[in-house]
Amino acid sequence: MGEASIDAELGRLRGREPRGVEAADLDAAIATLEEHHSHFDRRDLLCALVNRMREGAGAEELSRAVDAALDSDRVVCIHRGEGLLATTYWTTPRLWELERRVLRSAREGEAAGAAVVEEATLTAVLARHPYLSEEQVAMVRRLTTGGERILTVAALPGAGKTTALRAAAE
């Protein structure tokens, strides 16, 4: 591309008029957030909406559209921040219901007796994985003897959760 063709292309693009924010734009922006985030704040929604607006839109119109979406039943407020620097977070009704079902299942399955293995089996499996740290062995033991239907495992990236889960699955 030469200077003349770049100028021609920019001139063609500058001639376009921004269109207004439509409900479909907001729905698509929220759907995009839902694909990648369990929750989001106002800025996240604004960025997702701006990315949908190929022709652009005015800042005031975008701000009003985001505020209207956050005040609608398209999203669920899950934490209302207080104070000047506090952040409020939202999620989608679909994700909210999914999280509620998972939590309900976890509560109902606390004493389910699920996935409990005999001590001899556990000892034999752990012997085949001598590289596991004390924390990983404790995790495997807890996962295979507690009897819960759902058990949360949390640790920093690289701590060995996946490696320990492989031993637990075995």
C-alpha atoms as a PDB file:
ATOM      1  CA  MET A   1       0.000   0.000   0.000  1.00  0.00           C
ATOM      2  CA  GLY A   2       1.212   3.430  -0.844  1.00  0.00           C
ATOM      3  CA  GLU A   3       0.464   6.788   0.728  1.00  0.00           C
ATOM      4  CA  ALA A   4      -2.324   7.520  -1.762  1.00  0.00           C
ATOM      5  CA  SER A   5      -4.105   4.201  -1.148  1.00  0.00           C
ATOM      6  CA  ILE A   6      -3.836   4.640   2.622  1.00  0.00           C
ATOM      7  CA  ASP A   7      -5.301   8.155   2.370  1.00  0.00           C
ATOM      8  CA  ALA A   8      -8.114   6.851   0.166  1.00  0.00           C
ATOM      9  CA  GLU A   9      -8.928   4.065   2.618  1.00  0.00           C
ATOM     10  CA  LEU A  10      -8.892   6.402   5.618  1.00  0.00           C
ATOM     11  CA  GLY A  11     -11.080   8.871   3.737  1.00  0.00           C
ATOM     12  CA  ARG A  12     -13.583   6.116   2.961  1.00  0.00           C
ATOM     13  CA  LEU A  13     -13.653   5.042   6.619  1.00  0.00           C
ATOM     14  CA  ARG A  14     -13.978   8.600   7.923  1.00  0.00           C
ATOM     15  CA  GLY A  15     -17.086   9.078   5.834  1.00  0.00           C
ATOM     16  CA  ARG A  16     -19.043   6.487   7.811  1.00  0.00           C
ATOM     17  CA  GLU A  17     -21.528   7.628  10.376  1.00  0.00           C
ATOM     18  CA  PRO A  18     -21.517   5.873  13.744  1.00  0.00           C
ATOM     19  CA  ARG A  19     -24.674   3.898  14.335  1.00  0.00           C
ATOM     20  CA  GLY A  20     -26.492   3.770  17.619  1.00  0.00           C
ATOM     21  CA  VAL A  21     -26.085   1.095  20.248  1.00  0.00           C
ATOM     22  CA  GLU A  22     -28.730  -1.570  19.762  1.00  0.00           C
ATOM     23  CA  ALA A  23     -30.025  -4.235  22.130  1.00  0.00           C
ATOM     24  CA  ALA A  24     -28.329  -6.896  20.004  1.00  0.00           C
ATOM     25  CA  ASP A  25     -24.981  -5.161  20.567  1.00  0.00           C
ATOM     26  CA  LEU A  26     -25.440  -5.283  24.333  1.00  0.00           C
ATOM     27  CA  ASP A  27     -26.573  -8.915  24.230  1.00  0.00           C
ATOM     28  CA  ALA A  28     -23.539  -9.861  22.133  1.00  0.00           C
ATOM     29  CA  ALA A  29     -21.161  -7.952  24.430  1.00  0.00           C
ATOM     30  CA  ILE A  30     -22.598  -9.698  27.498  1.00  0.00           C
ATOM     31  CA  ALA A  31     -22.386 -13.080  25.740  1.00  0.00           C
ATOM     32  CA  THR A  32     -18.732 -12.415  24.918  1.00  0.00           C
ATOM     33  CA  LEU A  33     -18.013 -11.625  28.561  1.00  0.00           C
ATOM     34  CA  GLU A  34     -19.872 -14.762  29.652  1.00  0.00           C
ATOM     35  CA  GLU A  35     -17.641 -16.899  27.419  1.00  0.00           C
ATOM     36  CA  HIS A  36     -14.479 -15.754  29.185  1.00  0.00           C
ATOM     37  CA  HIS A  37     -15.391 -14.460  32.649  1.00  0.00           C
ATOM     38  CA  SER A  38     -17.471 -15.643  35.574  1.00  0.00           C
ATOM     39  CA  HIS A  39     -18.031 -12.006  36.562  1.00  0.00           C
ATOM     40  CA  PHE A  40     -17.302  -8.557  35.188  1.00  0.00           C
ATOM     41  CA  ASP A  41     -17.394  -4.900  36.127  1.00  0.00           C
ATOM     42  CA  ARG A  42     -18.733  -1.839  34.316  1.00  0.00           C
ATOM     43  CA  ARG A  43     -15.454  -1.236  32.502  1.00  0.00           C
ATOM     44  CA  ASP A  44     -15.382  -4.826  31.206  1.00  0.00           C
ATOM     45  CA  LEU A  45     -18.877  -4.419  29.756  1.00  0.00           C
ATOM     46  CA  LEU A  46     -18.004  -1.059  28.231  1.00  0.00           C
ATOM     47  CA  CYS A  47     -14.902  -2.539  26.542  1.00  0.00           C
ATOM     48  CA  ALA A  48     -16.877  -5.524  25.233  1.00  0.00           C
ATOM     49  CA  LEU A  49     -19.526  -3.199  23.836  1.00  0.00           C
ATOM     50  CA  VAL A  50     -16.985  -0.892  22.213  1.00  0.00           C
ATOM     51  CA  ASN A  51     -15.380  -3.903  20.540  1.00  0.00           C
ATOM     52  CA  ARG A  52     -18.783  -4.733  19.003  1.00  0.00           C
ATOM     53  CA  MET A  53     -19.269  -1.244  17.587  1.00  0.00           C
ATOM     54  CA  ARG A  54     -17.424  -1.402  14.260  1.00  0.00           C
ATOM     55  CA  GLU A  55     -18.690   2.013  13.212  1.00  0.00           C
ATOM     56  CA  GLY A  56     -18.214   3.472  16.651  1.00  0.00           C
ATOM     57  CA  ALA A  57     -20.593   5.328  18.903  1.00  0.00           C
ATOM     58  CA  GLY A  58     -20.408   8.401  21.073  1.00  0.00           C
ATOM     59  CA  ALA A  59     -19.019   8.133  24.590  1.00  0.00           C
ATOM     60  CA  GLU A  60     -22.227   9.395  26.182  1.00  0.00           C
ATOM     61  CA  GLU A  61     -24.363   6.952  24.216  1.00  0.00           C
ATOM     62  CA  LEU A  62     -22.075   4.056  25.131  1.00  0.00           C
ATOM     63  CA  SER A  63     -22.124   5.054  28.789  1.00  0.00           C
ATOM     64  CA  ARG A  64     -25.927   5.293  28.829  1.00  0.00           C
ATOM     65  CA  ALA A  65     -26.241   1.902  27.098  1.00  0.00           C
ATOM     66  CA  VAL A  66     -23.918   0.233  29.614  1.00  0.00           C
ATOM     67  CA  ASP A  67     -25.753   1.799  32.560  1.00  0.00           C
ATOM     68  CA  ALA A  68     -29.091   0.662  31.137  1.00  0.00           C
ATOM     69  CA  ALA A  69     -27.785  -2.892  30.691  1.00  0.00           C
ATOM     70  CA  LEU A  70     -26.432  -2.971  34.258  1.00  0.00           C
ATOM     71  CA  ASP A  71     -29.827  -1.815  35.549  1.00  0.00           C
ATOM     72  CA  SER A  72     -31.670  -4.477  33.544  1.00  0.00           C
ATOM     73  CA  ASP A  73     -32.411  -8.167  33.969  1.00  0.00           C
ATOM     74  CA  ARG A  74     -29.652  -8.986  31.450  1.00  0.00           C
ATOM     75  CA  VAL A  75     -27.194  -9.178  34.364  1.00  0.00           C
ATOM     76  CA  VAL A  76     -27.160 -10.003  38.083  1.00  0.00           C
ATOM     77  CA  CYS A  77     -25.285  -7.828  40.574  1.00  0.00           C
ATOM     78  CA  ILE A  78     -23.176 -10.139  42.730  1.00  0.00           C
ATOM     79  CA  HIS A  79     -21.170  -7.549  44.683  1.00  0.00           C
ATOM     80  CA  ARG A  80     -21.955  -3.887  45.153  1.00  0.00           C
ATOM     81  CA  GLY A  81     -18.773  -1.945  45.851  1.00  0.00           C
ATOM     82  CA  GLU A  82     -18.897   0.972  48.238  1.00  0.00           C
ATOM     83  CA  GLY A  83     -16.744   4.058  48.338  1.00  0.00           C
ATOM     84  CA  LEU A  84     -14.867   5.972  45.688  1.00  0.00           C
ATOM     85  CA  LEU A  85     -12.585   3.159  44.532  1.00  0.00           C
ATOM     86  CA  ALA A  86     -14.846   0.168  45.208  1.00  0.00           C
ATOM     87  CA  THR A  87     -15.858  -1.969  42.252  1.00  0.00           C
ATOM     88  CA  THR A  88     -19.259  -3.506  41.644  1.00  0.00           C
ATOM     89  CA  TYR A  89     -19.381  -6.882  39.886  1.00  0.00           C
ATOM     90  CA  TRP A  90     -22.061  -8.534  37.773  1.00  0.00           C
ATOM     91  CA  THR A  91     -22.579 -11.926  36.191  1.00  0.00           C
ATOM     92  CA  THR A  92     -25.165 -13.298  33.788  1.00  0.00           C
ATOM     93  CA  PRO A  93     -28.386 -14.961  34.936  1.00  0.00           C
ATOM     94  CA  ARG A  94     -27.259 -18.204  33.276  1.00  0.00           C
ATOM     95  CA  LEU A  95     -23.926 -18.267  35.139  1.00  0.00           C
ATOM     96  CA  TRP A  96     -25.628 -17.213  38.384  1.00  0.00           C
ATOM     97  CA  GLU A  97     -28.009 -20.174  38.164  1.00  0.00           C
ATOM     98  CA  LEU A  98     -25.177 -22.546  37.260  1.00  0.00           C
ATOM     99  CA  GLU A  99     -23.170 -21.428  40.299  1.00  0.00           C
ATOM    100  CA  ARG A 100     -26.222 -21.835  42.538  1.00  0.00           C
ATOM    101  CA  ARG A 101     -26.739 -25.412  41.259  1.00  0.00           C
ATOM    102  CA  VAL A 102     -23.086 -26.298  41.863  1.00  0.00           C
ATOM    103  CA  LEU A 103     -23.199 -24.912  45.408  1.00  0.00           C
ATOM    104  CA  ARG A 104     -26.478 -26.720  46.134  1.00  0.00           C
ATOM    105  CA  SER A 105     -25.000 -29.971  44.843  1.00  0.00           C
ATOM    106  CA  ALA A 106     -21.907 -29.458  46.985  1.00  0.00           C
ATOM    107  CA  ARG A 107     -23.982 -28.876  50.127  1.00  0.00           C
ATOM    108  CA  GLU A 108     -26.217 -31.858  49.442  1.00  0.00           C
ATOM    109  CA  GLY A 109     -23.212 -34.075  48.720  1.00  0.00           C
ATOM    110  CA  GLU A 110     -21.150 -33.329  51.818  1.00  0.00           C
ATOM    111  CA  ALA A 111     -21.790 -36.770  53.307  1.00  0.00           C
ATOM    112  CA  ALA A 112     -22.464 -38.669  50.088  1.00  0.00           C
ATOM    113  CA  GLY A 113     -19.716 -41.235  50.594  1.00  0.00           C
ATOM    114  CA  ALA A 114     -18.572 -40.612  47.017  1.00  0.00           C
ATOM    115  CA  ALA A 115     -15.175 -41.633  45.628  1.00  0.00           C
ATOM    116  CA  VAL A 116     -13.931 -43.202  48.850  1.00  0.00           C
ATOM    117  CA  VAL A 117     -11.117 -45.703  48.397  1.00  0.00           C
ATOM    118  CA  GLU A 118      -9.702 -48.235  50.838  1.00  0.00           C
ATOM    119  CA  GLU A 119      -6.520 -47.315  52.679  1.00  0.00           C
ATOM    120  CA  ALA A 120      -4.596 -50.176  51.024  1.00  0.00           C
ATOM    121  CA  THR A 121      -5.493 -48.893  47.561  1.00  0.00           C
ATOM    122  CA  LEU A 122      -4.551 -45.349  48.484  1.00  0.00           C
ATOM    123  CA  THR A 123      -1.214 -46.494  49.932  1.00  0.00           C
ATOM    124  CA  ALA A 124      -0.419 -48.498  46.771  1.00  0.00           C
ATOM    125  CA  VAL A 125      -1.239 -45.583  44.470  1.00  0.00           C
ATOM    126  CA  LEU A 126       0.777 -43.105  46.524  1.00  0.00           C
ATOM    127  CA  ALA A 127       3.735 -45.531  46.438  1.00  0.00           C
ATOM    128  CA  ARG A 128       3.625 -45.332  42.633  1.00  0.00           C
ATOM    129  CA  HIS A 129       3.920 -41.515  42.854  1.00  0.00           C
ATOM    130  CA  PRO A 130       6.886 -40.916  45.215  1.00  0.00           C
ATOM    131  CA  TYR A 131       7.527 -37.480  43.644  1.00  0.00           C
ATOM    132  CA  LEU A 132       4.373 -36.006  45.217  1.00  0.00           C
ATOM    133  CA  SER A 133       5.039 -33.387  47.903  1.00  0.00           C
ATOM    134  CA  GLU A 134       3.517 -33.630  51.373  1.00  0.00           C
ATOM    135  CA  GLU A 135       0.862 -31.112  50.338  1.00  0.00           C
ATOM    136  CA  GLN A 136       0.020 -33.113  47.217  1.00  0.00           C
ATOM    137  CA  VAL A 137      -0.217 -36.353  49.206  1.00  0.00           C
ATOM    138  CA  ALA A 138      -2.530 -34.596  51.673  1.00  0.00           C
ATOM    139  CA  MET A 139      -4.659 -33.397  48.771  1.00  0.00           C
ATOM    140  CA  VAL A 140      -4.895 -36.885  47.245  1.00  0.00           C
ATOM    141  CA  ARG A 141      -5.738 -38.369  50.641  1.00  0.00           C
ATOM    142  CA  ARG A 142      -8.461 -35.764  51.255  1.00  0.00           C
ATOM    143  CA  LEU A 143      -9.963 -36.201  47.783  1.00  0.00           C
ATOM    144  CA  THR A 144     -10.136 -39.981  48.095  1.00  0.00           C
ATOM    145  CA  THR A 145     -11.243 -40.407  51.703  1.00  0.00           C
ATOM    146  CA  GLY A 146     -13.546 -37.471  52.510  1.00  0.00           C
ATOM    147  CA  GLY A 147     -16.592 -38.788  50.683  1.00  0.00           C
ATOM    148  CA  GLU A 148     -17.861 -35.425  49.422  1.00  0.00           C
ATOM    149  CA  ARG A 149     -19.432 -35.254  45.998  1.00  0.00           C
ATOM    150  CA  ILE A 150     -17.702 -31.924  45.322  1.00  0.00           C
ATOM    151  CA  LEU A 151     -14.495 -30.746  46.961  1.00  0.00           C
ATOM    152  CA  THR A 152     -12.696 -27.506  46.157  1.00  0.00           C
ATOM    153  CA  VAL A 153      -8.984 -27.533  45.438  1.00  0.00           C
ATOM    154  CA  ALA A 154      -7.205 -24.177  45.405  1.00  0.00           C
ATOM    155  CA  ALA A 155      -3.506 -23.411  45.088  1.00  0.00           C
ATOM    156  CA  LEU A 156      -1.205 -21.153  43.145  1.00  0.00           C
ATOM    157  CA  PRO A 157      -0.404 -21.954  39.514  1.00  0.00           C
ATOM    158  CA  GLY A 158       2.367 -24.518  39.286  1.00  0.00           C
ATOM    159  CA  ALA A 159       1.756 -25.911  42.771  1.00  0.00           C
ATOM    160  CA  GLY A 160       1.023 -29.393  41.376  1.00  0.00           C
ATOM    161  CA  LYS A 161      -2.763 -29.599  41.483  1.00  0.00           C
ATOM    162  CA  THR A 162      -3.026 -31.365  38.128  1.00  0.00           C
ATOM    163  CA  THR A 163      -0.285 -33.845  39.022  1.00  0.00           C
ATOM    164  CA  ALA A 164      -1.973 -34.642  42.331  1.00  0.00           C
ATOM    165  CA  LEU A 165      -5.369 -34.961  40.609  1.00  0.00           C
ATOM    166  CA  ARG A 166      -3.894 -37.569  38.243  1.00  0.00           C
ATOM    167  CA  ALA A 167      -2.837 -39.644  41.251  1.00  0.00           C
ATOM    168  CA  ALA A 168      -6.265 -39.175  42.859  1.00  0.00           C
ATOM    169  CA  ALA A 169      -7.986 -40.289  39.653  1.00  0.00           C
ATOM    170  CA  GLU A 170      -5.794 -43.380  39.521  1.00  0.00           C
END
